[in-house]
Amino acid sequence: MNKNLQHLTQLGLAILIMSSSGTLGSFISLSPPFTIWIRCFIGAMALWLFLKWTKQSTFIGWGKDFQLLAVSSIFLGMHWVSYFYALSLSGVAVGMLSLFTYPVITSLLEPILLKSKFRIWDVALAFVAFLGIFFLIPEYSLGNSTTIGAVIGMFSAFFYSIRNILLKKNITDHSGSTLMYYQLLIISIVLCPVVFFSNFSTTLTILANEWHAVLILGLFTTTIGHTLFVMSFKHFTITAVSIISNLTPLFGIVLGYLFLNEIPNEKVLIGGGIIMFSVMAESIRTILRRNKKGATN
């Protein structure tokens, strides 16, 4: 198989697998912090076994790489917790679509974090994306759970954008499996206190009924999906990854319909279309700009 096609197939498979997080996040009735802790704990243990089995490194030292990885892990943890709160409050469609403002948010954050030039079209498309969010909101009141979910989803997008930018800097010297193992391990350690503050009897009852969904989230969605996703950073720009990632809400909404019988209403479809348009436009513009720059060098 052609190498480019192989890498593209790997990224597509990663996005398909990761799209299951929306349905699983809405289905699992554990608190979001506990869900993310057990998700990361299961994933970290699975990746540790995989790294040992394949004789890959499970230690990258305590230098700059580790420090950058630790910071990006914190942002990933905040992204996951806030994303699962958004899903629990607003459902699969609104939760996933509000999260997918992240490619446009990334285009605004990159000039700040990487000291590059601001572009007026990036700001304009960001405005269009946020306009799409208003269609997702049924009423402009913080007393409405869907509204709160959409707002939290945008915060989740912000955290995810920062994590991806930071991790892109760190991907060249280490395997995707090692990087993901460290991230999951760090998040599970940071969130460990939620285990002691949870209601043990309630938690055990939920786990007894929903263990299969928790296991799929930890092993399938997290260990396999996110590891393949991180590995793709070596072969694509963050913007190119963002373009293909546009399939995630579509997959997620279909899965939500099939397994949870969630049907998005007309306003959600309009808002989602606006968000996806702005993301696609921003992603294509960035790739064309970089290709043009590469051709003149």
Protein backbone atom coordinates (compact mmCIF):
# COMPACT_ATOMS: atom_id res chain seq x y z
CA MET A 1 0.00 0.00 0.00
CA ASN A 2 1.21 3.54 -0.83
CA LYS A 3 2.68 5.20 2.28
CA ASN A 4 0.51 8.32 1.99
CA LEU A 5 -2.62 6.21 1.57
CA GLN A 6 -1.58 4.08 4.52
CA HIS A 7 -1.14 7.15 6.74
CA LEU A 8 -4.45 8.58 5.54
CA THR A 9 -6.22 5.28 6.26
CA GLN A 10 -4.66 5.22 9.73
CA LEU A 11 -5.91 8.74 10.46
CA GLY A 12 -9.40 7.93 9.12
CA LEU A 13 -9.59 4.82 11.30
CA ALA A 14 -8.48 6.85 14.32
CA ILE A 15 -11.24 9.42 13.73
CA LEU A 16 -13.88 6.73 13.27
CA ILE A 17 -12.85 5.07 16.55
CA MET A 18 -12.62 8.37 18.45
CA SER A 19 -16.09 9.40 17.30
CA SER A 20 -17.51 6.74 19.63
CA SER A 21 -16.60 8.96 22.59
CA GLY A 22 -19.73 11.08 22.09
CA THR A 23 -22.13 8.15 22.39
CA LEU A 24 -20.16 6.54 25.22
CA GLY A 25 -19.90 9.85 27.10
CA SER A 26 -23.66 10.34 26.92
CA PHE A 27 -24.39 6.72 27.84
CA ILE A 28 -22.06 6.30 30.86
CA SER A 29 -23.74 7.70 33.98
CA LEU A 30 -20.60 8.01 36.12
CA SER A 31 -19.47 11.56 36.92
CA PRO A 32 -17.27 12.99 34.13
CA PRO A 33 -14.13 13.28 36.33
CA PHE A 34 -14.44 9.65 37.46
CA THR A 35 -15.19 8.50 33.91
CA ILE A 36 -12.05 10.23 32.62
CA TRP A 37 -9.96 8.84 35.49
CA ILE A 38 -10.99 5.23 34.85
CA ARG A 39 -10.70 5.78 31.08
CA CYS A 40 -7.11 6.98 31.49
CA PHE A 41 -6.22 4.31 34.05
CA ILE A 42 -7.41 1.49 31.76
CA GLY A 43 -5.74 3.08 28.74
CA ALA A 44 -2.42 3.66 30.53
CA MET A 45 -2.25 0.06 31.74
CA ALA A 46 -3.08 -1.27 28.26
CA LEU A 47 -0.44 0.91 26.62
CA TRP A 48 2.18 -0.04 29.23
CA LEU A 49 1.63 -3.70 28.40
CA PHE A 50 1.78 -2.91 24.67
CA LEU A 51 5.05 -0.96 25.04
CA LYS A 52 6.60 -3.75 27.09
CA TRP A 53 5.45 -6.37 24.59
CA THR A 54 6.88 -4.44 21.62
CA LYS A 55 10.03 -3.49 23.58
CA GLN A 56 9.44 0.24 23.18
CA SER A 57 10.58 2.84 25.68
CA THR A 58 8.36 3.59 28.66
CA PHE A 59 10.64 6.36 29.97
CA ILE A 60 11.54 9.63 28.26
CA GLY A 61 13.42 11.24 31.17
CA TRP A 62 12.60 14.34 33.20
CA GLY A 63 13.84 17.00 30.81
CA LYS A 64 12.10 19.53 28.58
CA ASP A 65 10.20 16.86 26.64
CA PHE A 66 8.61 15.53 29.83
CA GLN A 67 7.73 19.03 31.07
CA LEU A 68 6.04 19.92 27.78
CA LEU A 69 4.26 16.57 27.74
CA ALA A 70 3.06 17.05 31.33
CA VAL A 71 1.57 20.47 30.52
CA SER A 72 -0.14 19.15 27.38
CA SER A 73 -1.52 16.24 29.45
CA ILE A 74 -3.18 18.66 31.87
CA PHE A 75 -4.88 20.40 28.96
CA LEU A 76 -5.98 17.03 27.53
CA GLY A 77 -7.47 16.09 30.90
CA MET A 78 -9.34 19.41 31.13
CA HIS A 79 -10.57 18.89 27.57
CA TRP A 80 -11.91 15.40 28.29
CA VAL A 81 -13.61 16.31 31.58
CA SER A 82 -15.29 19.43 30.15
CA TYR A 83 -16.25 17.54 26.96
CA PHE A 84 -17.99 14.80 28.96
CA TYR A 85 -19.82 17.44 31.00
CA ALA A 86 -20.96 19.01 27.70
CA LEU A 87 -22.17 15.62 26.43
CA SER A 88 -24.07 14.88 29.64
CA LEU A 89 -25.79 18.28 29.54
CA SER A 90 -26.54 18.77 25.85
CA GLY A 91 -26.37 15.35 24.15
CA VAL A 92 -24.15 13.95 21.42
CA ALA A 93 -24.91 16.35 18.54
CA VAL A 94 -24.56 19.69 20.39
CA GLY A 95 -21.66 18.46 22.52
CA MET A 96 -19.63 17.24 19.55
CA LEU A 97 -20.44 20.19 17.27
CA SER A 98 -19.51 22.77 19.91
CA LEU A 99 -16.22 20.93 20.45
CA PHE A 100 -15.52 21.13 16.73
CA THR A 101 -14.91 24.84 16.88
CA TYR A 102 -11.40 23.73 17.91
CA PRO A 103 -9.76 23.91 14.42
CA VAL A 104 -10.74 27.57 14.10
CA ILE A 105 -9.71 28.24 17.70
CA THR A 106 -6.38 26.59 16.84
CA SER A 107 -5.88 29.02 13.96
CA LEU A 108 -6.33 31.91 16.43
CA LEU A 109 -4.08 30.41 19.12
CA GLU A 110 -1.18 29.38 16.86
CA PRO A 111 -0.05 33.00 16.21
CA ILE A 112 -0.04 33.64 19.97
CA LEU A 113 1.72 30.45 21.04
CA LEU A 114 4.05 30.13 18.04
CA LYS A 115 4.65 33.88 17.54
CA SER A 116 3.38 33.92 13.96
CA LYS A 117 1.36 36.60 12.15
CA PHE A 118 -2.37 37.12 12.73
CA ARG A 119 -4.55 36.94 9.61
CA ILE A 120 -7.84 38.80 9.28
CA TRP A 121 -9.54 35.84 7.53
CA ASP A 122 -8.79 33.62 10.53
CA VAL A 123 -10.61 36.08 12.78
CA ALA A 124 -13.53 36.31 10.31
CA LEU A 125 -13.92 32.52 10.09
CA ALA A 126 -13.70 32.24 13.87
CA PHE A 127 -16.62 34.66 14.07
CA VAL A 128 -18.60 32.51 11.58
CA ALA A 129 -17.87 29.37 13.63
CA PHE A 130 -19.06 31.00 16.83
CA LEU A 131 -22.16 32.22 14.96
CA GLY A 132 -22.92 28.55 14.31
CA ILE A 133 -22.83 27.92 18.06
CA PHE A 134 -25.77 30.31 18.52
CA PHE A 135 -27.93 28.02 16.38
CA LEU A 136 -27.09 25.13 18.74
CA ILE A 137 -28.40 27.05 21.72
CA PRO A 138 -32.18 26.68 22.26
CA GLU A 139 -32.45 29.71 24.55
CA TYR A 140 -29.95 32.27 25.78
CA SER A 141 -30.29 31.39 29.43
CA LEU A 142 -27.80 29.69 31.74
CA GLY A 143 -30.79 27.89 33.22
CA ASN A 144 -30.96 25.74 30.09
CA SER A 145 -28.76 22.63 30.19
CA THR A 146 -28.18 22.58 26.42
CA THR A 147 -26.92 26.17 26.53
CA ILE A 148 -24.53 25.35 29.36
CA GLY A 149 -23.39 22.24 27.49
CA ALA A 150 -22.59 24.24 24.35
CA VAL A 151 -20.59 26.80 26.34
CA ILE A 152 -18.65 24.06 28.14
CA GLY A 153 -18.07 22.38 24.76
CA MET A 154 -16.35 25.56 23.51
CA PHE A 155 -14.12 25.60 26.60
CA SER A 156 -13.29 21.97 25.82
CA ALA A 157 -12.36 23.01 22.27
CA PHE A 158 -10.02 25.68 23.67
CA PHE A 159 -8.21 23.16 25.91
CA TYR A 160 -7.97 20.65 23.05
CA SER A 161 -6.45 23.25 20.71
CA ILE A 162 -3.71 24.11 23.19
CA ARG A 163 -2.94 20.42 23.80
CA ASN A 164 -2.58 19.69 20.08
CA ILE A 165 -0.29 22.68 19.49
CA LEU A 166 1.93 21.71 22.43
CA LEU A 167 2.03 18.03 21.46
CA LYS A 168 2.91 18.81 17.83
CA LYS A 169 6.19 20.27 19.14
CA ASN A 170 6.96 17.05 20.99
CA ILE A 171 5.98 14.36 18.51
CA THR A 172 9.16 14.01 16.44
CA ASP A 173 11.43 12.29 19.00
CA HIS A 174 9.01 9.78 20.54
CA SER A 175 6.49 7.20 19.35
CA GLY A 176 2.77 7.97 19.46
CA SER A 177 2.26 5.03 21.83
CA THR A 178 4.84 6.35 24.31
CA LEU A 179 3.45 9.89 24.21
CA MET A 180 -0.13 8.66 24.71
CA TYR A 181 0.97 6.36 27.55
CA TYR A 182 2.54 9.29 29.38
CA GLN A 183 -0.49 11.49 28.83
CA LEU A 184 -2.92 8.89 30.14
CA LEU A 185 -0.68 8.08 33.11
CA ILE A 186 -0.32 11.74 34.08
CA ILE A 187 -4.06 12.40 33.80
CA SER A 188 -4.93 9.30 35.86
CA ILE A 189 -2.51 10.42 38.60
CA VAL A 190 -3.85 14.00 38.64
CA LEU A 191 -7.47 12.79 38.77
CA CYS A 192 -6.79 10.08 41.36
CA PRO A 193 -8.44 12.09 44.21
CA VAL A 194 -11.86 11.80 42.49
CA VAL A 195 -11.83 8.08 43.38
CA PHE A 196 -11.78 8.87 47.11
CA PHE A 197 -14.42 11.59 46.89
CA SER A 198 -16.91 9.52 44.90
CA ASN A 199 -19.83 7.58 46.37
CA PHE A 200 -18.43 4.04 46.36
CA SER A 201 -21.74 2.18 46.48
CA THR A 202 -23.26 4.25 43.65
CA THR A 203 -20.10 4.02 41.59
CA LEU A 204 -19.84 0.25 41.97
CA THR A 205 -23.51 -0.17 41.01
CA ILE A 206 -23.01 1.89 37.84
CA LEU A 207 -19.81 0.02 36.97
CA ALA A 208 -21.59 -3.31 37.41
CA ASN A 209 -24.22 -2.22 34.86
CA GLU A 210 -22.04 -0.23 32.44
CA TRP A 211 -18.65 -1.98 32.66
CA HIS A 212 -18.75 -2.90 28.97
CA ALA A 213 -19.11 0.75 27.89
CA VAL A 214 -16.33 1.82 30.29
CA LEU A 215 -14.05 -0.91 28.94
CA ILE A 216 -14.74 0.08 25.32
CA LEU A 217 -14.02 3.72 26.18
CA GLY A 218 -10.72 2.86 27.89
CA LEU A 219 -9.38 0.22 25.51
CA PHE A 220 -10.96 0.95 22.14
CA THR A 221 -11.69 4.68 21.98
CA THR A 222 -8.75 5.85 24.07
CA THR A 223 -5.92 3.32 23.70
CA ILE A 224 -6.38 2.54 20.01
CA GLY A 225 -8.16 5.62 18.65
CA HIS A 226 -6.12 8.34 20.35
CA THR A 227 -2.81 6.55 19.86
CA LEU A 228 -3.43 6.29 16.11
CA PHE A 229 -4.50 9.95 16.12
CA VAL A 230 -1.33 11.12 17.88
CA MET A 231 0.80 9.00 15.52
CA SER A 232 -0.73 10.86 12.56
CA PHE A 233 0.86 14.12 13.78
CA LYS A 234 4.14 12.84 12.33
CA HIS A 235 2.71 12.64 8.83
CA PHE A 236 0.23 15.55 8.62
CA THR A 237 0.04 19.16 9.72
CA ILE A 238 -2.36 19.97 12.56
CA THR A 239 -4.53 21.81 10.02
CA ALA A 240 -4.65 18.81 7.66
CA VAL A 241 -5.63 16.63 10.61
CA SER A 242 -8.38 19.15 11.39
CA ILE A 243 -9.84 18.84 7.88
CA ILE A 244 -10.17 15.07 8.08
CA SER A 245 -11.38 15.34 11.69
CA ASN A 246 -14.50 17.07 10.35
CA LEU A 247 -15.87 13.56 9.91
CA THR A 248 -15.93 13.05 13.69
CA PRO A 249 -19.20 14.89 14.48
CA LEU A 250 -20.87 13.18 11.52
CA PHE A 251 -19.80 9.73 12.73
CA GLY A 252 -20.67 10.66 16.32
CA ILE A 253 -24.18 11.89 15.47
CA VAL A 254 -24.86 8.72 13.45
CA LEU A 255 -23.70 6.57 16.38
CA GLY A 256 -25.84 8.64 18.76
CA TYR A 257 -28.87 7.98 16.57
CA LEU A 258 -28.16 4.25 16.23
CA PHE A 259 -27.41 3.52 19.90
CA LEU A 260 -29.14 6.31 21.87
CA ASN A 261 -31.92 7.28 19.43
CA GLU A 262 -30.78 10.94 19.56
CA ILE A 263 -32.09 12.85 16.54
CA PRO A 264 -30.69 16.41 16.06
CA ASN A 265 -33.30 19.08 15.32
CA GLU A 266 -33.25 21.54 12.43
CA LYS A 267 -31.44 24.32 14.33
CA VAL A 268 -28.68 21.93 15.38
CA LEU A 269 -28.21 20.83 11.75
CA ILE A 270 -28.00 24.46 10.58
CA GLY A 271 -25.56 25.40 13.33
CA GLY A 272 -23.50 22.30 12.65
CA GLY A 273 -23.38 23.14 8.94
CA ILE A 274 -22.13 26.67 9.69
CA ILE A 275 -19.44 25.36 12.04
CA MET A 276 -18.29 22.70 9.58
CA PHE A 277 -18.20 25.28 6.75
CA SER A 278 -15.96 27.62 8.74
CA VAL A 279 -13.68 24.78 9.80
CA MET A 280 -13.34 23.44 6.25
CA ALA A 281 -12.72 26.93 4.85
CA GLU A 282 -10.03 27.67 7.44
CA SER A 283 -8.36 24.29 6.97
CA ILE A 284 -8.29 24.50 3.16
CA ARG A 285 -6.99 28.09 3.26
CA THR A 286 -4.16 27.10 5.57
CA ILE A 287 -3.12 24.12 3.46
CA LEU A 288 -3.18 26.19 0.24
CA ARG A 289 -1.16 28.92 1.94
CA ARG A 290 1.47 26.43 3.12
CA ASN A 291 1.64 24.75 -0.29
CA LYS A 292 2.16 28.13 -1.94
CA LYS A 293 4.84 29.00 0.58
CA GLY A 294 6.55 25.65 0.00
CA ALA A 295 6.49 26.18 -3.78
CA THR A 296 8.27 29.53 -3.49
CA ASN A 297 11.05 28.23 -1.22
